[in-house]
Each structure stands twice: as C-alpha cells, then as structure tokens.
Amino acid sequence: PAMLLVHKNAVLRLCRALDPEDKGRISVGNFAELVESLSKVLGRPLPGVARERLERELRRAEDVAYAEALDSGSFEVSADGGPWRLRRQA
C-alpha cells in the first residue's frame, strides 16, 4: 500500500504542526523532509536522489496544500520493489 495513504492521519498531524498559521499549506522542503523522516521510521530510507525527485515533482508549486493532496489521493509515494517515487494520479 502507498505509504502516505496508510499513515495519512499521522502525516496530517505533522503537517498541521508545521503549519502554525493554519493555512493548510507547508513548504515543499518541509513536506519532503516529513516524507523522508516517515520513510526512515518505516525502515525504508529515502535516498538523496529520490528526495530530490520528490522535491522536483512538488516544486510545480511553492508549497503543498497537504490536506487537499492527502484527501484527494492526487499523489502517492510508494516503493514498488525499488526506490521511492512520486506517482501522480489523474
């Protein structure tokens, strides 16, 4: 299963903690760091190259509307037998 879907509630709590003004958005760097930290806790560390790809994919915007992104299923981060990667869903 997709890492963010399985741990959605924890990710939302952490995003909210990084969003003291309650704007519903956090920086791309903070979101990427959160994903990287979660992957380490789960025993699947995010290689530097994979983090760079994640940040590059997310850089289409200045920040991440985390609640919208996690609720809509618009993207997921998974490790299908290889490096972590971002999959955009239509």
PDB file of N, CA and C in Angstrom:
ATOM      1  N   PRO A   1       0.825  -1.202   0.000  1.00  0.00           N
ATOM      2  CA  PRO A   1       0.000   0.000   0.000  1.00  0.00           C
ATOM      3  C   PRO A   1       0.861   1.255   0.000  1.00  0.00           C
ATOM      4  N   ALA A   2       0.284   2.314  -0.427  1.00  0.00           N
ATOM      5  CA  ALA A   2       1.002   3.579  -0.506  1.00  0.00           C
ATOM      6  C   ALA A   2       1.303   4.094   0.899  1.00  0.00           C
ATOM      7  N   MET A   3       2.513   4.555   1.086  1.00  0.00           N
ATOM      8  CA  MET A   3       2.972   4.997   2.397  1.00  0.00           C
ATOM      9  C   MET A   3       2.111   6.132   2.952  1.00  0.00           C
ATOM     10  N   LEU A   4       1.812   7.137   2.153  1.00  0.00           N
ATOM     11  CA  LEU A   4       1.058   8.285   2.657  1.00  0.00           C
ATOM     12  C   LEU A   4      -0.389   7.929   2.974  1.00  0.00           C
ATOM     13  N   LEU A   5      -0.967   7.031   2.222  1.00  0.00           N
ATOM     14  CA  LEU A   5      -2.338   6.610   2.496  1.00  0.00           C
ATOM     15  C   LEU A   5      -2.411   5.853   3.819  1.00  0.00           C
ATOM     16  N   VAL A   6      -1.515   4.931   4.027  1.00  0.00           N
ATOM     17  CA  VAL A   6      -1.510   4.118   5.238  1.00  0.00           C
ATOM     18  C   VAL A   6      -1.271   4.973   6.489  1.00  0.00           C
ATOM     19  N   HIS A   7      -0.434   5.982   6.354  1.00  0.00           N
ATOM     20  CA  HIS A   7      -0.065   6.817   7.502  1.00  0.00           C
ATOM     21  C   HIS A   7      -0.644   8.228   7.396  1.00  0.00           C
ATOM     22  N   LYS A   8      -1.766   8.332   6.716  1.00  0.00           N
ATOM     23  CA  LYS A   8      -2.389   9.629   6.434  1.00  0.00           C
ATOM     24  C   LYS A   8      -2.646  10.455   7.689  1.00  0.00           C
ATOM     25  N   ASN A   9      -3.218   9.864   8.720  1.00  0.00           N
ATOM     26  CA  ASN A   9      -3.540  10.623   9.934  1.00  0.00           C
ATOM     27  C   ASN A   9      -2.290  11.178  10.603  1.00  0.00           C
ATOM     28  N   ALA A  10      -1.253  10.383  10.679  1.00  0.00           N
ATOM     29  CA  ALA A  10      -0.003  10.859  11.277  1.00  0.00           C
ATOM     30  C   ALA A  10       0.614  11.965  10.421  1.00  0.00           C
ATOM     31  N   VAL A  11       0.583  11.794   9.111  1.00  0.00           N
ATOM     32  CA  VAL A  11       1.136  12.814   8.210  1.00  0.00           C
ATOM     33  C   VAL A  11       0.355  14.115   8.342  1.00  0.00           C
ATOM     34  N   LEU A  12      -0.972  14.027   8.406  1.00  0.00           N
ATOM     35  CA  LEU A  12      -1.788  15.239   8.577  1.00  0.00           C
ATOM     36  C   LEU A  12      -1.463  15.951   9.890  1.00  0.00           C
ATOM     37  N   ARG A  13      -1.307  15.194  10.979  1.00  0.00           N
ATOM     38  CA  ARG A  13      -0.949  15.807  12.272  1.00  0.00           C
ATOM     39  C   ARG A  13       0.394  16.521  12.184  1.00  0.00           C
ATOM     40  N   LEU A  14       1.359  15.889  11.553  1.00  0.00           N
ATOM     41  CA  LEU A  14       2.679  16.507  11.420  1.00  0.00           C
ATOM     42  C   LEU A  14       2.629  17.734  10.514  1.00  0.00           C
ATOM     43  N   CYS A  15       1.874  17.665   9.445  1.00  0.00           N
ATOM     44  CA  CYS A  15       1.727  18.826   8.563  1.00  0.00           C
ATOM     45  C   CYS A  15       1.097  19.988   9.316  1.00  0.00           C
ATOM     46  N   ARG A  16       0.077  19.698  10.099  1.00  0.00           N
ATOM     47  CA  ARG A  16      -0.577  20.752  10.885  1.00  0.00           C
ATOM     48  C   ARG A  16       0.382  21.360  11.912  1.00  0.00           C
ATOM     49  N   ALA A  17       1.256  20.540  12.465  1.00  0.00           N
ATOM     50  CA  ALA A  17       2.241  21.050  13.413  1.00  0.00           C
ATOM     51  C   ALA A  17       3.238  21.988  12.718  1.00  0.00           C
ATOM     52  N   LEU A  18       3.488  21.750  11.436  1.00  0.00           N
ATOM     53  CA  LEU A  18       4.390  22.592  10.652  1.00  0.00           C
ATOM     54  C   LEU A  18       3.672  23.795  10.047  1.00  0.00           C
ATOM     55  N   ASP A  19       2.390  23.930  10.341  1.00  0.00           N
ATOM     56  CA  ASP A  19       1.538  24.982   9.770  1.00  0.00           C
ATOM     57  C   ASP A  19       0.893  25.780  10.903  1.00  0.00           C
ATOM     58  N   PRO A  20       1.688  26.533  11.679  1.00  0.00           N
ATOM     59  CA  PRO A  20       1.153  27.216  12.855  1.00  0.00           C
ATOM     60  C   PRO A  20       0.086  28.266  12.538  1.00  0.00           C
ATOM     61  N   GLU A  21       0.083  28.788  11.315  1.00  0.00           N
ATOM     62  CA  GLU A  21      -0.918  29.783  10.931  1.00  0.00           C
ATOM     63  C   GLU A  21      -2.182  29.136  10.365  1.00  0.00           C
ATOM     64  N   ASP A  22      -2.217  27.804  10.323  1.00  0.00           N
ATOM     65  CA  ASP A  22      -3.381  27.040   9.868  1.00  0.00           C
ATOM     66  C   ASP A  22      -3.849  27.462   8.470  1.00  0.00           C
ATOM     67  N   LYS A  23      -2.887  27.567   7.554  1.00  0.00           N
ATOM     68  CA  LYS A  23      -3.192  27.938   6.170  1.00  0.00           C
ATOM     69  C   LYS A  23      -3.519  26.721   5.304  1.00  0.00           C
ATOM     70  N   GLY A  24      -3.216  25.531   5.829  1.00  0.00           N
ATOM     71  CA  GLY A  24      -3.459  24.321   5.039  1.00  0.00           C
ATOM     72  C   GLY A  24      -2.351  24.036   4.043  1.00  0.00           C
ATOM     73  N   ARG A  25      -1.237  24.736   4.202  1.00  0.00           N
ATOM     74  CA  ARG A  25      -0.118  24.582   3.268  1.00  0.00           C
ATOM     75  C   ARG A  25       1.195  24.585   4.055  1.00  0.00           C
ATOM     76  N   ILE A  26       2.154  23.796   3.572  1.00  0.00           N
ATOM     77  CA  ILE A  26       3.512  23.835   4.122  1.00  0.00           C
ATOM     78  C   ILE A  26       4.477  23.874   2.951  1.00  0.00           C
ATOM     79  N   SER A  27       5.705  24.243   3.232  1.00  0.00           N
ATOM     80  CA  SER A  27       6.698  24.350   2.156  1.00  0.00           C
ATOM     81  C   SER A  27       6.998  22.974   1.558  1.00  0.00           C
ATOM     82  N   VAL A  28       7.425  23.006   0.321  1.00  0.00           N
ATOM     83  CA  VAL A  28       7.827  21.766  -0.353  1.00  0.00           C
ATOM     84  C   VAL A  28       8.948  21.092   0.431  1.00  0.00           C
ATOM     85  N   GLY A  29       9.907  21.878   0.913  1.00  0.00           N
ATOM     86  CA  GLY A  29      11.013  21.314   1.685  1.00  0.00           C
ATOM     87  C   GLY A  29      10.548  20.623   2.950  1.00  0.00           C
ATOM     88  N   ASN A  30       9.610  21.255   3.673  1.00  0.00           N
ATOM     89  CA  ASN A  30       9.077  20.631   4.890  1.00  0.00           C
ATOM     90  C   ASN A  30       8.328  19.344   4.574  1.00  0.00           C
ATOM     91  N   PHE A  31       7.537  19.346   3.506  1.00  0.00           N
ATOM     92  CA  PHE A  31       6.786  18.149   3.142  1.00  0.00           C
ATOM     93  C   PHE A  31       7.749  17.024   2.750  1.00  0.00           C
ATOM     94  N   ALA A  32       8.763  17.360   1.961  1.00  0.00           N
ATOM     95  CA  ALA A  32       9.745  16.352   1.550  1.00  0.00           C
ATOM     96  C   ALA A  32      10.492  15.801   2.769  1.00  0.00           C
ATOM     97  N   GLU A  33      10.822  16.678   3.716  1.00  0.00           N
ATOM     98  CA  GLU A  33      11.501  16.225   4.939  1.00  0.00           C
ATOM     99  C   GLU A  33      10.596  15.306   5.754  1.00  0.00           C
ATOM    100  N   LEU A  34       9.315  15.628   5.814  1.00  0.00           N
ATOM    101  CA  LEU A  34       8.353  14.792   6.526  1.00  0.00           C
ATOM    102  C   LEU A  34       8.285  13.401   5.885  1.00  0.00           C
ATOM    103  N   VAL A  35       8.193  13.349   4.554  1.00  0.00           N
ATOM    104  CA  VAL A  35       8.144  12.071   3.841  1.00  0.00           C
ATOM    105  C   VAL A  35       9.435  11.293   4.078  1.00  0.00           C
ATOM    106  N   GLU A  36      10.559  11.996   4.032  1.00  0.00           N
ATOM    107  CA  GLU A  36      11.847  11.345   4.267  1.00  0.00           C
ATOM    108  C   GLU A  36      11.929  10.772   5.684  1.00  0.00           C
ATOM    109  N   SER A  37      11.482  11.530   6.669  1.00  0.00           N
ATOM    110  CA  SER A  37      11.501  11.052   8.057  1.00  0.00           C
ATOM    111  C   SER A  37      10.587   9.852   8.249  1.00  0.00           C
ATOM    112  N   LEU A  38       9.408   9.913   7.674  1.00  0.00           N
ATOM    113  CA  LEU A  38       8.472   8.787   7.764  1.00  0.00           C
ATOM    114  C   LEU A  38       9.077   7.535   7.141  1.00  0.00           C
ATOM    115  N   SER A  39       9.713   7.693   5.995  1.00  0.00           N
ATOM    116  CA  SER A  39      10.312   6.525   5.335  1.00  0.00           C
ATOM    117  C   SER A  39      11.417   5.911   6.190  1.00  0.00           C
ATOM    118  N   LYS A  40      12.182   6.754   6.914  1.00  0.00           N
ATOM    119  CA  LYS A  40      13.222   6.236   7.813  1.00  0.00           C
ATOM    120  C   LYS A  40      12.604   5.446   8.963  1.00  0.00           C
ATOM    121  N   VAL A  41      11.550   5.990   9.551  1.00  0.00           N
ATOM    122  CA  VAL A  41      10.869   5.311  10.658  1.00  0.00           C
ATOM    123  C   VAL A  41      10.335   3.959  10.203  1.00  0.00           C
ATOM    124  N   LEU A  42       9.874   3.899   8.959  1.00  0.00           N
ATOM    125  CA  LEU A  42       9.310   2.657   8.426  1.00  0.00           C
ATOM    126  C   LEU A  42      10.380   1.677   7.946  1.00  0.00           C
ATOM    127  N   GLY A  43      11.650   2.080   8.072  1.00  0.00           N
ATOM    128  CA  GLY A  43      12.728   1.176   7.669  1.00  0.00           C
ATOM    129  C   GLY A  43      12.999   1.171   6.181  1.00  0.00           C
ATOM    130  N   ARG A  44      12.495   2.166   5.463  1.00  0.00           N
ATOM    131  CA  ARG A  44      12.725   2.282   4.019  1.00  0.00           C
ATOM    132  C   ARG A  44      13.276   3.673   3.730  1.00  0.00           C
ATOM    133  N   PRO A  45      14.523   3.944   4.145  1.00  0.00           N
ATOM    134  CA  PRO A  45      15.081   5.291   3.992  1.00  0.00           C
ATOM    135  C   PRO A  45      14.978   5.806   2.557  1.00  0.00           C
ATOM    136  N   LEU A  46      14.712   7.068   2.459  1.00  0.00           N
ATOM    137  CA  LEU A  46      14.565   7.739   1.164  1.00  0.00           C
ATOM    138  C   LEU A  46      15.950   8.191   0.707  1.00  0.00           C
ATOM    139  N   PRO A  47      16.481   7.582  -0.353  1.00  0.00           N
ATOM    140  CA  PRO A  47      17.804   8.000  -0.845  1.00  0.00           C
ATOM    141  C   PRO A  47      17.777   9.464  -1.285  1.00  0.00           C
ATOM    142  N   GLY A  48      18.917  10.126  -1.211  1.00  0.00           N
ATOM    143  CA  GLY A  48      19.011  11.532  -1.593  1.00  0.00           C
ATOM    144  C   GLY A  48      18.458  11.817  -2.974  1.00  0.00           C
ATOM    145  N   VAL A  49      18.746  10.947  -3.922  1.00  0.00           N
ATOM    146  CA  VAL A  49      18.262  11.131  -5.291  1.00  0.00           C
ATOM    147  C   VAL A  49      16.737  11.076  -5.328  1.00  0.00           C
ATOM    148  N   ALA A  50      16.153  10.172  -4.566  1.00  0.00           N
ATOM    149  CA  ALA A  50      14.689  10.051  -4.542  1.00  0.00           C
ATOM    150  C   ALA A  50      14.064  11.290  -3.905  1.00  0.00           C
ATOM    151  N   ARG A  51      14.698  11.806  -2.852  1.00  0.00           N
ATOM    152  CA  ARG A  51      14.174  13.037  -2.236  1.00  0.00           C
ATOM    153  C   ARG A  51      14.237  14.189  -3.234  1.00  0.00           C
ATOM    154  N   GLU A  52      15.332  14.274  -3.975  1.00  0.00           N
ATOM    155  CA  GLU A  52      15.457  15.321  -4.990  1.00  0.00           C
ATOM    156  C   GLU A  52      14.349  15.199  -6.038  1.00  0.00           C
ATOM    157  N   ARG A  53      14.056  13.973  -6.455  1.00  0.00           N
ATOM    158  CA  ARG A  53      12.980  13.772  -7.432  1.00  0.00           C
ATOM    159  C   ARG A  53      11.638  14.166  -6.846  1.00  0.00           C
ATOM    160  N   LEU A  54      11.404  13.818  -5.584  1.00  0.00           N
ATOM    161  CA  LEU A  54      10.162  14.185  -4.919  1.00  0.00           C
ATOM    162  C   LEU A  54      10.026  15.707  -4.865  1.00  0.00           C
ATOM    163  N   GLU A  55      11.076  16.387  -4.440  1.00  0.00           N
ATOM    164  CA  GLU A  55      11.037  17.847  -4.361  1.00  0.00           C
ATOM    165  C   GLU A  55      10.841  18.466  -5.743  1.00  0.00           C
ATOM    166  N   ARG A  56      11.517  17.932  -6.739  1.00  0.00           N
ATOM    167  CA  ARG A  56      11.372  18.444  -8.101  1.00  0.00           C
ATOM    168  C   ARG A  56       9.922  18.302  -8.579  1.00  0.00           C
ATOM    169  N   GLU A  57       9.324  17.169  -8.290  1.00  0.00           N
ATOM    170  CA  GLU A  57       7.930  16.935  -8.681  1.00  0.00           C
ATOM    171  C   GLU A  57       6.991  17.905  -7.962  1.00  0.00           C
ATOM    172  N   LEU A  58       7.257  18.129  -6.685  1.00  0.00           N
ATOM    173  CA  LEU A  58       6.401  19.018  -5.898  1.00  0.00           C
ATOM    174  C   LEU A  58       6.655  20.488  -6.202  1.00  0.00           C
ATOM    175  N   ARG A  59       7.779  20.835  -6.751  1.00  0.00           N
ATOM    176  CA  ARG A  59       8.144  22.238  -6.989  1.00  0.00           C
ATOM    177  C   ARG A  59       7.270  22.890  -8.054  1.00  0.00           C
ATOM    178  N   ARG A  60       6.316  22.196  -8.583  1.00  0.00           N
ATOM    179  CA  ARG A  60       5.375  22.819  -9.522  1.00  0.00           C
ATOM    180  C   ARG A  60       4.602  23.926  -8.821  1.00  0.00           C
ATOM    181  N   ALA A  61       4.639  23.905  -7.505  1.00  0.00           N
ATOM    182  CA  ALA A  61       4.006  24.940  -6.691  1.00  0.00           C
ATOM    183  C   ALA A  61       5.005  25.353  -5.620  1.00  0.00           C
ATOM    184  N   GLU A  62       4.785  26.493  -5.008  1.00  0.00           N
ATOM    185  CA  GLU A  62       5.690  26.984  -3.979  1.00  0.00           C
ATOM    186  C   GLU A  62       5.559  26.192  -2.685  1.00  0.00           C
ATOM    187  N   ASP A  63       4.345  25.717  -2.417  1.00  0.00           N
ATOM    188  CA  ASP A  63       4.108  24.941  -1.217  1.00  0.00           C
ATOM    189  C   ASP A  63       3.107  23.836  -1.510  1.00  0.00           C
ATOM    190  N   VAL A  64       2.836  23.013  -0.509  1.00  0.00           N
ATOM    191  CA  VAL A  64       1.963  21.852  -0.674  1.00  0.00           C
ATOM    192  C   VAL A  64       0.692  22.069   0.142  1.00  0.00           C
ATOM    193  N   ALA A  65      -0.452  21.992  -0.535  1.00  0.00           N
ATOM    194  CA  ALA A  65      -1.745  22.022   0.153  1.00  0.00           C
ATOM    195  C   ALA A  65      -1.974  20.600   0.670  1.00  0.00           C
ATOM    196  N   TYR A  66      -1.449  20.334   1.857  1.00  0.00           N
ATOM    197  CA  TYR A  66      -1.343  18.963   2.351  1.00  0.00           C
ATOM    198  C   TYR A  66      -2.685  18.275   2.559  1.00  0.00           C
ATOM    199  N   ALA A  67      -3.660  18.938   3.143  1.00  0.00           N
ATOM    200  CA  ALA A  67      -4.947  18.279   3.391  1.00  0.00           C
ATOM    201  C   ALA A  67      -5.620  17.909   2.072  1.00  0.00           C
ATOM    202  N   GLU A  68      -5.595  18.836   1.144  1.00  0.00           N
ATOM    203  CA  GLU A  68      -6.185  18.579  -0.176  1.00  0.00           C
ATOM    204  C   GLU A  68      -5.472  17.435  -0.884  1.00  0.00           C
ATOM    205  N   ALA A  69      -4.161  17.453  -0.847  1.00  0.00           N
ATOM    206  CA  ALA A  69      -3.382  16.414  -1.518  1.00  0.00           C
ATOM    207  C   ALA A  69      -3.621  15.038  -0.906  1.00  0.00           C
ATOM    208  N   LEU A  70      -3.638  14.971   0.423  1.00  0.00           N
ATOM    209  CA  LEU A  70      -3.818  13.677   1.080  1.00  0.00           C
ATOM    210  C   LEU A  70      -5.259  13.186   0.995  1.00  0.00           C
ATOM    211  N   ASP A  71      -6.222  14.096   0.988  1.00  0.00           N
ATOM    212  CA  ASP A  71      -7.623  13.690   0.893  1.00  0.00           C
ATOM    213  C   ASP A  71      -8.025  13.286  -0.513  1.00  0.00           C
ATOM    214  N   SER A  72      -7.437  13.931  -1.507  1.00  0.00           N
ATOM    215  CA  SER A  72      -7.859  13.683  -2.880  1.00  0.00           C
ATOM    216  C   SER A  72      -7.204  12.450  -3.482  1.00  0.00           C
ATOM    217  N   GLY A  73      -6.115  11.990  -2.883  1.00  0.00           N
ATOM    218  CA  GLY A  73      -5.388  10.876  -3.489  1.00  0.00           C
ATOM    219  C   GLY A  73      -4.713  11.306  -4.776  1.00  0.00           C
ATOM    220  N   SER A  74      -4.422  12.614  -4.895  1.00  0.00           N
ATOM    221  CA  SER A  74      -3.848  13.141  -6.132  1.00  0.00           C
ATOM    222  C   SER A  74      -2.422  12.666  -6.368  1.00  0.00           C
ATOM    223  N   PHE A  75      -1.756  12.206  -5.305  1.00  0.00           N
ATOM    224  CA  PHE A  75      -0.437  11.626  -5.484  1.00  0.00           C
ATOM    225  C   PHE A  75      -0.159  10.658  -4.355  1.00  0.00           C
ATOM    226  N   GLU A  76       0.819   9.824  -4.586  1.00  0.00           N
ATOM    227  CA  GLU A  76       1.236   8.875  -3.561  1.00  0.00           C
ATOM    228  C   GLU A  76       2.730   8.663  -3.671  1.00  0.00           C
ATOM    229  N   VAL A  77       3.318   8.243  -2.602  1.00  0.00           N
ATOM    230  CA  VAL A  77       4.729   7.886  -2.589  1.00  0.00           C
ATOM    231  C   VAL A  77       4.773   6.416  -2.223  1.00  0.00           C
ATOM    232  N   SER A  78       5.373   5.613  -3.080  1.00  0.00           N
ATOM    233  CA  SER A  78       5.437   4.185  -2.801  1.00  0.00           C
ATOM    234  C   SER A  78       6.792   3.641  -3.215  1.00  0.00           C
ATOM    235  N   ALA A  79       7.067   2.441  -2.788  1.00  0.00           N
ATOM    236  CA  ALA A  79       8.332   1.777  -3.117  1.00  0.00           C
ATOM    237  C   ALA A  79       8.011   0.410  -3.684  1.00  0.00           C
ATOM    238  N   ASP A  80       7.656   0.363  -4.938  1.00  0.00           N
ATOM    239  CA  ASP A  80       7.306  -0.889  -5.597  1.00  0.00           C
ATOM    240  C   ASP A  80       8.566  -1.652  -5.976  1.00  0.00           C
ATOM    241  N   GLY A  81       9.196  -2.245  -4.962  1.00  0.00           N
ATOM    242  CA  GLY A  81      10.378  -3.049  -5.221  1.00  0.00           C
ATOM    243  C   GLY A  81      11.573  -2.238  -5.674  1.00  0.00           C
ATOM    244  N   GLY A  82      11.565  -0.965  -5.457  1.00  0.00           N
ATOM    245  CA  GLY A  82      12.681  -0.136  -5.897  1.00  0.00           C
ATOM    246  C   GLY A  82      12.696   1.164  -5.123  1.00  0.00           C
ATOM    247  N   PRO A  83      13.301   2.184  -5.687  1.00  0.00           N
ATOM    248  CA  PRO A  83      13.385   3.452  -4.966  1.00  0.00           C
ATOM    249  C   PRO A  83      12.023   4.106  -4.817  1.00  0.00           C
ATOM    250  N   TRP A  84      11.902   4.940  -3.784  1.00  0.00           N
ATOM    251  CA  TRP A  84      10.667   5.695  -3.600  1.00  0.00           C
ATOM    252  C   TRP A  84      10.477   6.609  -4.782  1.00  0.00           C
ATOM    253  N   ARG A  85       9.250   6.792  -5.198  1.00  0.00           N
ATOM    254  CA  ARG A  85       8.979   7.745  -6.279  1.00  0.00           C
ATOM    255  C   ARG A  85       7.587   8.290  -6.107  1.00  0.00           C
ATOM    256  N   LEU A  86       7.365   9.441  -6.683  1.00  0.00           N
ATOM    257  CA  LEU A  86       6.068  10.103  -6.623  1.00  0.00           C
ATOM    258  C   LEU A  86       5.261   9.683  -7.833  1.00  0.00           C
ATOM    259  N   ARG A  87       4.044   9.261  -7.596  1.00  0.00           N
ATOM    260  CA  ARG A  87       3.163   8.883  -8.694  1.00  0.00           C
ATOM    261  C   ARG A  87       1.983   9.835  -8.696  1.00  0.00           C
ATOM    262  N   ARG A  88       1.849  10.612  -9.740  1.00  0.00           N
ATOM    263  CA  ARG A  88       0.683  11.492  -9.887  1.00  0.00           C
ATOM    264  C   ARG A  88      -0.435  10.647 -10.472  1.00  0.00           C
ATOM    265  N   GLN A  89      -1.607  10.817  -9.900  1.00  0.00           N
ATOM    266  CA  GLN A  89      -2.773  10.095 -10.386  1.00  0.00           C
ATOM    267  C   GLN A  89      -3.690  11.071 -11.086  1.00  0.00           C
ATOM    268  N   ALA A  90      -4.314  10.639 -12.155  1.00  0.00           N
ATOM    269  CA  ALA A  90      -5.212  11.520 -12.917  1.00  0.00           C
ATOM    270  C   ALA A  90      -6.523  11.734 -12.195  1.00  0.00           C
TER     271      ALA A  90
END
